[in-house]
Amino acid sequence: MRFLKVALAAALSRVATASLQVVPGGTWTTPNGEHLQAHGAGLIQVDGVYYMIGEDKSGGHSFSNVNCYSSTDLVQWTYVGALLSRTSSGDLGPNRVVERPKVIYNDKTRKYVLWMHMDSSSYGEARVAVATGDTVCGKYQYLRSFQPLGRESRDMGLFKDDDGKGYLLTEDRKYGLRIVALSDDFTSPTSDVFSWKLEGGNRVEAPAMVKLGNTYFMFASMMTGWDSNDNQYTTSTNLRSGWSSWKKFADSGTNTYNSQTTYILKTSESSAIYLGDRWMKDNLMASTYIWLPLSISGTSVSMKNFVSWVPTSNFASWQNPPAETSYEAEKAAYGGKARNVDCSGCSGKVAAGYIGGPDRGSVTFNNIRSDIDGLTTIRIKFLNGDTGPRYANVRVNGDGGRKVAFLQATGNPASSTLHANLKKGSSNTIVIEGIDGGWGPDIDRLMVPVQ
């Protein structure tokens, strides 16, 4: 398998000093204390930094912002700014739909070009929209919206080939999924390159394409609305012809581990990472991210699910989840009016409840073990008593703490990620408490990596 399960020796030296993990399906808290809002996202790398550009769903279904986050490790993401924000009227005005924003760089114009699905709240327009920017995460100039080559477009993607040419990947309900060539400045469609017709019930959307070596890999989901399905892929060595039959790449019947393809991140000429959305259609802001390494052998692709996984220094290899020690909240020390609450899905059927609130409930985990001095990812298993977001201040080894978000998406309990520095040995302490009198989540347990 090209996507190695064991890191190279150089990469292992990095893992020995830190255990930063991708946690598929968890709440991903950014430094501003909020769940990462970049749904339907695409990634672009500039000068060694990854930028994630996606939909801000904090206000619900209607467009509010196209957000941009940055990272150097694919795990810790920092909010940089909004490329586009809601205006008082027009395409970007109230009650508009903007989905699946993607950015590619044009080498000739030296502009970053943003494409997105643009629509009305009833999805009756089926258009694309284009904007350009001078910097990857700066403000973009909105240009226009239209139906590409006079045909509908809903779920879409972008692809930039090795020769610098750009392509729009667009789903047309009447004519199928299409690859459309872009103009030299990437702001206009010029011609159809290939289309997957609808014969045989083969209806796909949410396209994402990557080129590994001489082979193009196109990924897409079936058409089941917000509900997930078994996504599929096809390959060819020519954009215009020779595409193989569509095949599943995740375990059959798992609905791609309850996700929809949004982007495929190329990490080497023989490896890539799947980026998917786990949509919560009744609470879109709580939608989470399913990022998993792809195993690629020739033109065959497969993908397994993991509770977490460790990307190595060059992101072209990865490690299985590290061994973990579980620390049960009901065995920790309670403060304020925190106390046991029933939790049928929790280990031991009990959780630490009444965290925060007017009586300042807290839970303190003592004697936490780490085999390293350094930054690590700790999974906090939790359950919310409602559908709204909850927050807690989490202090590690006596520091001032950081705001951590807990959004109940899927799972009973669910996971929220905490990236923190631990000391080697068993003298670490983690305190979870409320913020400004608000209620935190019910805490099931901590999952702390050991090497």
Protein backbone atom coordinates (compact mmCIF):
# COMPACT_ATOMS: atom_id res chain seq x y z
CA MET A 1 0.00 0.00 0.00
CA ARG A 2 1.27 3.39 -0.95
CA PHE A 3 -0.22 5.15 2.04
CA LEU A 4 2.08 3.69 4.66
CA LYS A 5 0.70 2.72 8.02
CA VAL A 6 4.05 3.07 9.68
CA ALA A 7 5.94 6.33 9.50
CA LEU A 8 9.46 6.60 8.26
CA ALA A 9 12.22 6.91 10.85
CA ALA A 10 12.52 10.66 10.38
CA ALA A 11 8.83 11.11 10.89
CA LEU A 12 8.85 8.90 13.95
CA SER A 13 11.30 11.25 15.63
CA ARG A 14 8.66 13.98 15.42
CA VAL A 15 5.92 11.74 16.78
CA ALA A 16 8.15 10.86 19.73
CA THR A 17 7.99 14.46 20.92
CA ALA A 18 4.33 15.10 20.22
CA SER A 19 1.16 13.16 19.54
CA LEU A 20 -1.13 15.51 17.65
CA GLN A 21 -4.07 13.60 16.27
CA VAL A 22 -6.86 14.10 13.76
CA VAL A 23 -10.11 13.05 15.48
CA PRO A 24 -12.76 12.33 12.82
CA GLY A 25 -16.23 13.41 13.88
CA GLY A 26 -15.11 15.34 16.96
CA THR A 27 -15.69 18.94 17.94
CA TRP A 28 -12.60 20.79 16.65
CA THR A 29 -12.03 23.84 18.83
CA THR A 30 -9.98 26.68 17.35
CA PRO A 31 -8.04 29.20 19.48
CA ASN A 32 -11.08 31.50 19.58
CA GLY A 33 -12.90 28.80 21.56
CA GLU A 34 -15.42 27.93 18.85
CA HIS A 35 -15.99 24.81 16.76
CA LEU A 36 -14.22 25.16 13.43
CA GLN A 37 -16.64 26.65 10.89
CA ALA A 38 -15.32 25.67 7.45
CA HIS A 39 -17.87 23.20 6.13
CA GLY A 40 -17.79 22.00 2.52
CA ALA A 41 -14.17 23.09 2.58
CA GLY A 42 -11.22 23.02 0.24
CA LEU A 43 -7.52 23.25 1.15
CA ILE A 44 -4.68 25.10 -0.51
CA GLN A 45 -1.02 25.15 0.52
CA VAL A 46 0.98 28.38 0.31
CA ASP A 47 4.60 28.66 1.45
CA GLY A 48 4.37 25.60 3.67
CA VAL A 49 1.10 26.65 5.35
CA TYR A 50 -2.24 24.93 4.75
CA TYR A 51 -5.31 27.13 4.39
CA MET A 52 -8.80 25.69 4.83
CA ILE A 53 -11.61 27.66 3.19
CA GLY A 54 -15.20 26.70 3.90
CA GLU A 55 -18.74 27.62 4.91
CA ASP A 56 -19.52 29.38 8.17
CA LYS A 57 -22.68 27.66 9.44
CA SER A 58 -22.74 29.34 12.85
CA GLY A 59 -25.83 31.27 11.76
CA GLY A 60 -27.59 28.28 10.24
CA HIS A 61 -28.35 27.48 6.63
CA SER A 62 -28.21 31.00 5.17
CA PHE A 63 -24.91 32.46 4.03
CA SER A 64 -22.94 34.45 6.57
CA ASN A 65 -19.22 34.04 5.71
CA VAL A 66 -16.69 32.12 3.67
CA ASN A 67 -14.10 31.48 6.38
CA CYS A 68 -10.37 30.86 6.14
CA TYR A 69 -8.23 28.99 8.69
CA SER A 70 -4.51 28.23 8.69
CA SER A 71 -2.41 25.31 9.96
CA THR A 72 1.06 23.86 9.61
CA ASP A 73 0.20 20.43 11.04
CA LEU A 74 -3.35 19.69 9.73
CA VAL A 75 -4.51 19.34 13.35
CA GLN A 76 -4.40 22.78 14.99
CA TRP A 77 -6.35 25.36 12.98
CA THR A 78 -6.37 29.13 13.57
CA TYR A 79 -9.06 31.44 12.24
CA VAL A 80 -7.54 34.04 9.89
CA GLY A 81 -10.55 35.84 8.48
CA ALA A 82 -13.52 35.83 6.12
CA LEU A 83 -12.93 35.98 2.36
CA LEU A 84 -16.54 37.06 1.76
CA SER A 85 -19.26 38.11 4.20
CA ARG A 86 -22.99 38.75 4.02
CA THR A 87 -24.04 42.00 2.41
CA SER A 88 -27.33 43.90 2.67
CA SER A 89 -28.61 42.66 -0.71
CA GLY A 90 -27.68 40.81 -3.87
CA ASP A 91 -26.06 37.40 -4.28
CA LEU A 92 -24.39 37.66 -0.87
CA GLY A 93 -27.41 39.18 0.87
CA PRO A 94 -29.80 37.70 3.44
CA ASN A 95 -31.34 34.27 2.91
CA ARG A 96 -28.83 33.26 0.27
CA VAL A 97 -27.03 29.91 -0.04
CA VAL A 98 -23.26 29.70 -0.57
CA GLU A 99 -21.77 26.21 -0.48
CA ARG A 100 -18.55 24.25 -1.13
CA PRO A 101 -16.16 27.21 -1.64
CA LYS A 102 -12.85 26.25 -3.25
CA VAL A 103 -9.75 28.35 -4.07
CA ILE A 104 -6.98 27.77 -6.62
CA TYR A 105 -4.08 30.03 -7.52
CA ASN A 106 -3.63 31.42 -11.04
CA ASP A 107 0.06 31.62 -11.91
CA LYS A 108 -0.49 34.03 -14.81
CA THR A 109 -2.65 36.65 -13.08
CA ARG A 110 -1.15 35.99 -9.62
CA LYS A 111 -4.67 35.97 -8.24
CA TYR A 112 -6.39 33.51 -5.94
CA VAL A 113 -9.68 32.48 -7.55
CA LEU A 114 -12.66 31.40 -5.45
CA TRP A 115 -15.55 29.40 -6.90
CA MET A 116 -18.66 28.40 -4.96
CA HIS A 117 -22.19 27.12 -5.38
CA MET A 118 -24.57 30.10 -5.32
CA ASP A 119 -28.31 29.65 -4.82
CA SER A 120 -31.58 30.84 -3.38
CA SER A 121 -32.93 29.35 -0.17
CA SER A 122 -35.15 27.05 -2.27
CA TYR A 123 -32.22 25.90 -4.44
CA GLY A 124 -34.05 27.16 -7.51
CA GLU A 125 -31.17 29.04 -9.17
CA ALA A 126 -28.42 26.37 -9.36
CA ARG A 127 -25.56 28.73 -10.16
CA VAL A 128 -21.85 29.12 -9.54
CA ALA A 129 -20.18 32.30 -8.35
CA VAL A 130 -16.63 33.61 -8.74
CA ALA A 131 -14.45 35.98 -6.70
CA THR A 132 -10.74 36.85 -6.75
CA GLY A 133 -8.19 37.86 -4.12
CA ASP A 134 -4.61 39.09 -3.99
CA THR A 135 -3.80 36.98 -0.93
CA VAL A 136 -5.08 33.55 -0.01
CA CYS A 137 -6.81 34.61 3.22
CA GLY A 138 -7.49 38.27 2.47
CA LYS A 139 -10.66 39.96 1.28
CA TYR A 140 -11.92 38.83 -2.12
CA GLN A 141 -13.61 40.86 -4.84
CA TYR A 142 -16.93 39.30 -5.75
CA LEU A 143 -17.38 39.14 -9.53
CA ARG A 144 -20.66 37.47 -10.55
CA SER A 145 -22.87 34.37 -10.49
CA PHE A 146 -24.14 32.38 -13.46
CA GLN A 147 -24.97 28.92 -14.77
CA PRO A 148 -21.77 27.53 -16.33
CA LEU A 149 -22.19 27.08 -20.08
CA GLY A 150 -25.89 27.63 -19.57
CA ARG A 151 -26.42 24.55 -17.39
CA GLU A 152 -27.40 24.11 -13.76
CA SER A 153 -24.71 23.70 -11.14
CA ARG A 154 -25.11 22.66 -7.53
CA ASP A 155 -22.46 20.73 -5.60
CA MET A 156 -19.13 21.67 -7.21
CA GLY A 157 -15.38 21.47 -6.88
CA LEU A 158 -12.20 22.84 -8.47
CA PHE A 159 -9.11 21.16 -9.84
CA LYS A 160 -5.76 22.57 -10.99
CA ASP A 161 -3.70 20.24 -13.16
CA ASP A 162 0.08 19.88 -13.25
CA ASP A 163 0.24 22.03 -16.39
CA GLY A 164 -1.43 24.94 -14.58
CA LYS A 165 -4.82 24.60 -16.27
CA GLY A 166 -7.94 24.93 -14.15
CA TYR A 167 -11.18 22.95 -14.22
CA LEU A 168 -14.62 23.31 -12.67
CA LEU A 169 -16.23 20.11 -11.40
CA THR A 170 -19.96 20.67 -11.54
CA GLU A 171 -23.09 18.62 -10.96
CA ASP A 172 -25.96 19.16 -13.39
CA ARG A 173 -29.22 17.39 -12.50
CA LYS A 174 -30.26 17.16 -16.15
CA TYR A 175 -26.96 16.09 -17.73
CA GLY A 176 -24.87 14.59 -14.93
CA LEU A 177 -21.51 15.36 -13.38
CA ARG A 178 -19.21 17.37 -15.65
CA ILE A 179 -15.58 18.45 -15.92
CA VAL A 180 -15.48 21.95 -17.43
CA ALA A 181 -12.32 23.73 -18.62
CA LEU A 182 -11.69 27.24 -17.28
CA SER A 183 -10.34 30.32 -19.04
CA ASP A 184 -6.70 31.30 -18.64
CA ASP A 185 -7.59 33.55 -15.71
CA PHE A 186 -9.78 30.83 -14.08
CA THR A 187 -12.83 33.14 -13.87
CA SER A 188 -14.97 31.73 -16.73
CA PRO A 189 -15.90 28.30 -18.09
CA THR A 190 -14.88 27.66 -21.68
CA SER A 191 -15.85 24.13 -22.72
CA ASP A 192 -17.02 20.74 -21.52
CA VAL A 193 -14.20 18.24 -21.10
CA PHE A 194 -16.11 15.15 -19.91
CA SER A 195 -19.49 14.31 -18.44
CA TRP A 196 -20.93 11.31 -16.63
CA LYS A 197 -24.40 10.81 -18.05
CA LEU A 198 -27.31 9.64 -15.99
CA GLU A 199 -27.85 6.30 -17.72
CA GLY A 200 -28.11 3.33 -15.39
CA GLY A 201 -29.12 5.45 -12.43
CA ASN A 202 -25.56 6.65 -11.91
CA ARG A 203 -26.26 9.98 -10.25
CA VAL A 204 -23.34 11.52 -8.39
CA GLU A 205 -22.56 14.91 -6.85
CA ALA A 206 -20.06 16.55 -4.45
CA PRO A 207 -17.07 16.01 -6.77
CA ALA A 208 -13.43 16.18 -5.70
CA MET A 209 -10.47 15.26 -7.88
CA VAL A 210 -6.78 14.61 -7.34
CA LYS A 211 -3.96 13.53 -9.65
CA LEU A 212 -1.42 11.02 -8.31
CA GLY A 213 1.37 10.21 -10.70
CA ASN A 214 -0.27 9.96 -14.12
CA THR A 215 -3.69 8.95 -12.80
CA TYR A 216 -6.69 11.18 -12.11
CA PHE A 217 -8.95 10.08 -9.24
CA MET A 218 -12.47 11.53 -9.13
CA PHE A 219 -14.46 11.08 -5.90
CA ALA A 220 -18.16 11.85 -5.49
CA SER A 221 -21.21 11.01 -3.41
CA MET A 222 -24.53 9.63 -4.53
CA MET A 223 -27.57 11.91 -4.43
CA THR A 224 -29.32 11.48 -1.07
CA GLY A 225 -29.66 15.10 0.04
CA TRP A 226 -28.15 15.87 3.44
CA ASP A 227 -28.12 12.15 4.28
CA SER A 228 -24.85 10.29 3.76
CA ASN A 229 -24.29 7.35 1.42
CA ASP A 230 -21.56 5.05 0.12
CA ASN A 231 -19.41 7.53 -1.84
CA GLN A 232 -17.56 6.28 -4.91
CA TYR A 233 -14.56 6.97 -7.12
CA THR A 234 -13.41 6.54 -10.72
CA THR A 235 -9.99 6.82 -12.38
CA SER A 236 -8.45 7.68 -15.73
CA THR A 237 -5.13 8.77 -17.22
CA ASN A 238 -6.96 11.23 -19.49
CA LEU A 239 -9.47 13.85 -18.37
CA ARG A 240 -11.40 13.48 -21.62
CA SER A 241 -11.87 9.72 -21.80
CA GLY A 242 -11.17 6.30 -20.35
CA TRP A 243 -12.80 6.74 -16.97
CA SER A 244 -13.32 3.47 -15.08
CA SER A 245 -16.55 2.24 -13.55
CA TRP A 246 -17.50 3.88 -10.26
CA LYS A 247 -16.50 1.90 -7.14
CA LYS A 248 -16.94 2.29 -3.40
CA PHE A 249 -13.82 3.05 -1.37
CA ALA A 250 -15.06 2.91 2.24
CA ASP A 251 -16.54 -0.15 3.93
CA SER A 252 -19.83 -0.94 2.20
CA GLY A 253 -22.94 0.05 4.11
CA THR A 254 -21.15 2.56 6.38
CA ASN A 255 -22.26 5.53 4.26
CA THR A 256 -18.59 6.53 4.01
CA TYR A 257 -18.53 6.53 7.81
CA ASN A 258 -21.48 8.90 7.76
CA SER A 259 -19.86 11.58 5.59
CA GLN A 260 -19.86 13.23 2.18
CA THR A 261 -16.80 13.94 0.05
CA THR A 262 -15.72 17.58 0.04
CA TYR A 263 -12.02 17.54 -0.93
CA ILE A 264 -9.09 15.19 -1.53
CA LEU A 265 -5.77 16.52 -0.23
CA LYS A 266 -2.72 15.34 -2.15
CA THR A 267 0.21 14.76 0.19
CA SER A 268 2.65 13.09 -2.23
CA GLU A 269 2.63 11.57 -5.70
CA SER A 270 1.25 8.38 -4.19
CA SER A 271 -0.79 9.44 -1.16
CA ALA A 272 -3.81 11.54 -0.28
CA ILE A 273 -6.22 12.31 2.56
CA TYR A 274 -10.01 12.19 2.30
CA LEU A 275 -11.83 15.26 3.64
CA GLY A 276 -15.54 14.77 4.24
CA ASP A 277 -18.43 16.49 6.01
CA ARG A 278 -20.67 14.76 8.53
CA TRP A 279 -23.73 16.91 8.00
CA MET A 280 -26.16 17.57 10.84
CA LYS A 281 -29.06 18.76 8.71
CA ASP A 282 -31.11 20.02 11.66
CA ASN A 283 -28.14 21.80 13.26
CA LEU A 284 -25.64 22.61 10.52
CA MET A 285 -23.22 24.52 12.77
CA ALA A 286 -22.60 21.29 14.70
CA SER A 287 -21.61 19.40 11.54
CA THR A 288 -18.22 17.77 11.96
CA TYR A 289 -15.34 16.69 9.77
CA ILE A 290 -14.35 13.18 8.74
CA TRP A 291 -10.72 13.27 7.65
CA LEU A 292 -9.14 9.90 6.95
CA PRO A 293 -6.03 8.66 5.09
CA LEU A 294 -6.63 6.87 1.81
CA SER A 295 -4.85 3.59 1.06
CA ILE A 296 -3.91 3.62 -2.64
CA SER A 297 -2.43 0.79 -4.67
CA GLY A 298 -2.23 1.47 -8.38
CA THR A 299 -5.74 2.61 -9.26
CA SER A 300 -7.39 0.90 -6.28
CA VAL A 301 -8.50 3.04 -3.32
CA SER A 302 -9.74 1.98 0.09
CA MET A 303 -10.36 3.80 3.36
CA LYS A 304 -10.81 2.58 6.91
CA ASN A 305 -12.31 4.43 9.83
CA PHE A 306 -10.33 5.40 12.94
CA VAL A 307 -11.18 7.00 16.25
CA SER A 308 -8.07 9.11 15.63
CA TRP A 309 -4.86 9.01 13.62
CA VAL A 310 -1.48 10.73 13.68
CA PRO A 311 -0.23 12.55 10.57
CA THR A 312 3.57 12.50 10.33
CA SER A 313 5.87 15.36 9.48
CA ASN A 314 5.50 15.26 5.70
CA PHE A 315 1.81 14.14 5.80
CA ALA A 316 2.60 11.41 3.25
CA SER A 317 2.41 8.72 5.93
CA TRP A 318 0.48 8.19 9.11
CA GLN A 319 0.22 6.18 12.28
CA ASN A 320 -2.65 4.33 13.89
CA PRO A 321 -4.12 5.90 17.03
CA PRO A 322 -1.68 5.78 19.93
CA ALA A 323 -2.47 3.70 22.96
CA GLU A 324 -4.60 5.64 25.41
CA THR A 325 -5.36 5.67 29.11
CA SER A 326 -8.97 6.30 30.04
CA TYR A 327 -9.74 8.51 33.05
CA GLU A 328 -13.34 8.25 34.24
CA ALA A 329 -14.96 11.53 35.28
CA GLU A 330 -17.02 9.97 38.07
CA LYS A 331 -13.75 8.88 39.71
CA ALA A 332 -12.25 12.37 39.51
CA ALA A 333 -12.60 15.12 42.14
CA TYR A 334 -15.75 17.24 41.98
CA GLY A 335 -15.95 20.91 42.87
CA GLY A 336 -18.96 23.17 43.45
CA LYS A 337 -22.23 21.32 42.81
CA ALA A 338 -20.87 18.94 40.19
CA ARG A 339 -22.21 15.43 40.70
CA ASN A 340 -22.93 12.11 39.03
CA VAL A 341 -25.64 11.98 36.38
CA ASP A 342 -27.04 9.03 34.47
CA CYS A 343 -25.59 8.54 30.99
CA SER A 344 -26.72 5.37 29.25
CA GLY A 345 -24.10 5.64 26.50
CA CYS A 346 -21.20 6.49 28.79
CA SER A 347 -18.74 4.02 30.18
CA GLY A 348 -20.10 2.89 33.51
CA LYS A 349 -23.45 4.52 32.59
CA VAL A 350 -22.41 7.58 34.62
CA ALA A 351 -21.03 11.02 33.76
CA ALA A 352 -19.92 14.10 35.68
CA GLY A 353 -22.81 16.53 35.42
CA TYR A 354 -23.63 20.08 36.49
CA ILE A 355 -20.30 21.43 35.29
CA GLY A 356 -20.31 25.22 35.54
CA GLY A 357 -23.59 26.93 36.31
CA PRO A 358 -24.26 29.27 39.24
CA ASP A 359 -22.68 26.82 41.69
CA ARG A 360 -19.43 26.64 39.69
CA GLY A 361 -19.31 22.90 39.25
CA SER A 362 -15.98 21.45 38.14
CA VAL A 363 -14.20 18.15 37.73
CA THR A 364 -10.47 17.69 38.40
CA PHE A 365 -8.49 14.80 36.93
CA ASN A 366 -5.29 14.16 38.89
CA ASN A 367 -2.33 11.86 38.27
CA ILE A 368 -2.66 11.84 34.50
CA ARG A 369 0.17 9.98 32.82
CA SER A 370 2.17 11.05 29.78
CA ASP A 371 5.27 9.39 28.36
CA ILE A 372 6.49 12.62 26.75
CA ASP A 373 7.07 16.26 27.53
CA GLY A 374 5.15 18.07 24.84
CA LEU A 375 2.03 18.81 22.89
CA THR A 376 -0.57 16.08 22.62
CA THR A 377 -4.20 15.62 21.65
CA ILE A 378 -6.57 14.59 24.43
CA ARG A 379 -10.07 13.41 23.61
CA ILE A 380 -12.78 14.59 26.01
CA LYS A 381 -15.79 12.29 25.84
CA PHE A 382 -18.99 14.18 26.66
CA LEU A 383 -22.74 14.45 26.30
CA ASN A 384 -24.82 17.62 26.05
CA GLY A 385 -28.28 17.85 27.54
CA ASP A 386 -29.53 19.88 24.56
CA THR A 387 -28.73 20.56 20.90
CA GLY A 388 -26.99 23.89 21.52
CA PRO A 389 -23.23 24.32 21.90
CA ARG A 390 -21.75 24.16 25.37
CA TYR A 391 -18.40 25.48 26.53
CA ALA A 392 -15.93 24.85 29.30
CA ASN A 393 -12.68 26.33 30.52
CA VAL A 394 -10.06 23.60 30.61
CA ARG A 395 -6.94 24.18 32.72
CA VAL A 396 -3.87 21.99 32.34
CA ASN A 397 -1.20 21.82 35.03
CA GLY A 398 -2.27 25.06 36.67
CA ASP A 399 -2.38 27.29 33.60
CA GLY A 400 -5.11 29.86 33.00
CA GLY A 401 -6.99 27.52 30.75
CA ARG A 402 -8.54 27.68 27.33
CA LYS A 403 -12.12 27.77 26.11
CA VAL A 404 -13.19 24.44 24.60
CA ALA A 405 -16.36 23.92 22.57
CA PHE A 406 -18.64 20.89 22.90
CA LEU A 407 -21.19 20.46 20.09
CA GLN A 408 -23.42 17.42 20.21
CA ALA A 409 -23.27 16.05 16.68
CA THR A 410 -23.26 12.27 16.65
CA GLY A 411 -22.28 9.82 19.32
CA ASN A 412 -23.38 9.15 22.86
CA PRO A 413 -20.97 10.24 24.12
CA ALA A 414 -19.28 12.46 21.54
CA SER A 415 -15.66 13.68 21.45
CA SER A 416 -14.12 17.12 21.76
CA THR A 417 -10.42 17.66 21.09
CA LEU A 418 -8.00 19.33 23.47
CA HIS A 419 -4.44 20.09 22.32
CA ALA A 420 -2.25 20.73 25.37
CA ASN A 421 1.26 20.35 26.73
CA LEU A 422 1.72 17.52 29.21
CA LYS A 423 4.70 16.68 31.39
CA LYS A 424 6.41 13.34 31.26
CA GLY A 425 5.29 11.22 34.19
CA SER A 426 2.05 10.88 36.15
CA SER A 427 1.82 14.29 37.80
CA ASN A 428 -0.43 16.00 35.23
CA THR A 429 -3.70 17.63 36.27
CA ILE A 430 -6.64 18.69 34.07
CA VAL A 431 -9.54 20.75 35.41
CA ILE A 432 -12.80 21.23 33.49
CA GLU A 433 -15.01 24.07 34.72
CA GLY A 434 -17.71 26.43 33.51
CA ILE A 435 -17.32 29.82 31.81
CA ASP A 436 -19.10 32.94 33.11
CA GLY A 437 -21.77 30.93 34.91
CA GLY A 438 -22.74 28.93 31.84
CA TRP A 439 -23.28 25.21 31.81
CA GLY A 440 -20.60 22.93 30.46
CA PRO A 441 -21.21 19.44 29.07
CA ASP A 442 -21.61 16.26 31.05
CA ILE A 443 -18.13 14.69 31.07
CA ASP A 444 -17.79 10.94 30.54
CA ARG A 445 -13.99 10.50 30.52
CA LEU A 446 -10.64 11.67 29.19
CA MET A 447 -8.69 9.65 26.63
CA VAL A 448 -4.99 10.51 27.02
CA PRO A 449 -2.31 9.11 24.66
CA VAL A 450 0.65 7.15 25.95
CA GLN A 451 3.62 6.19 23.78
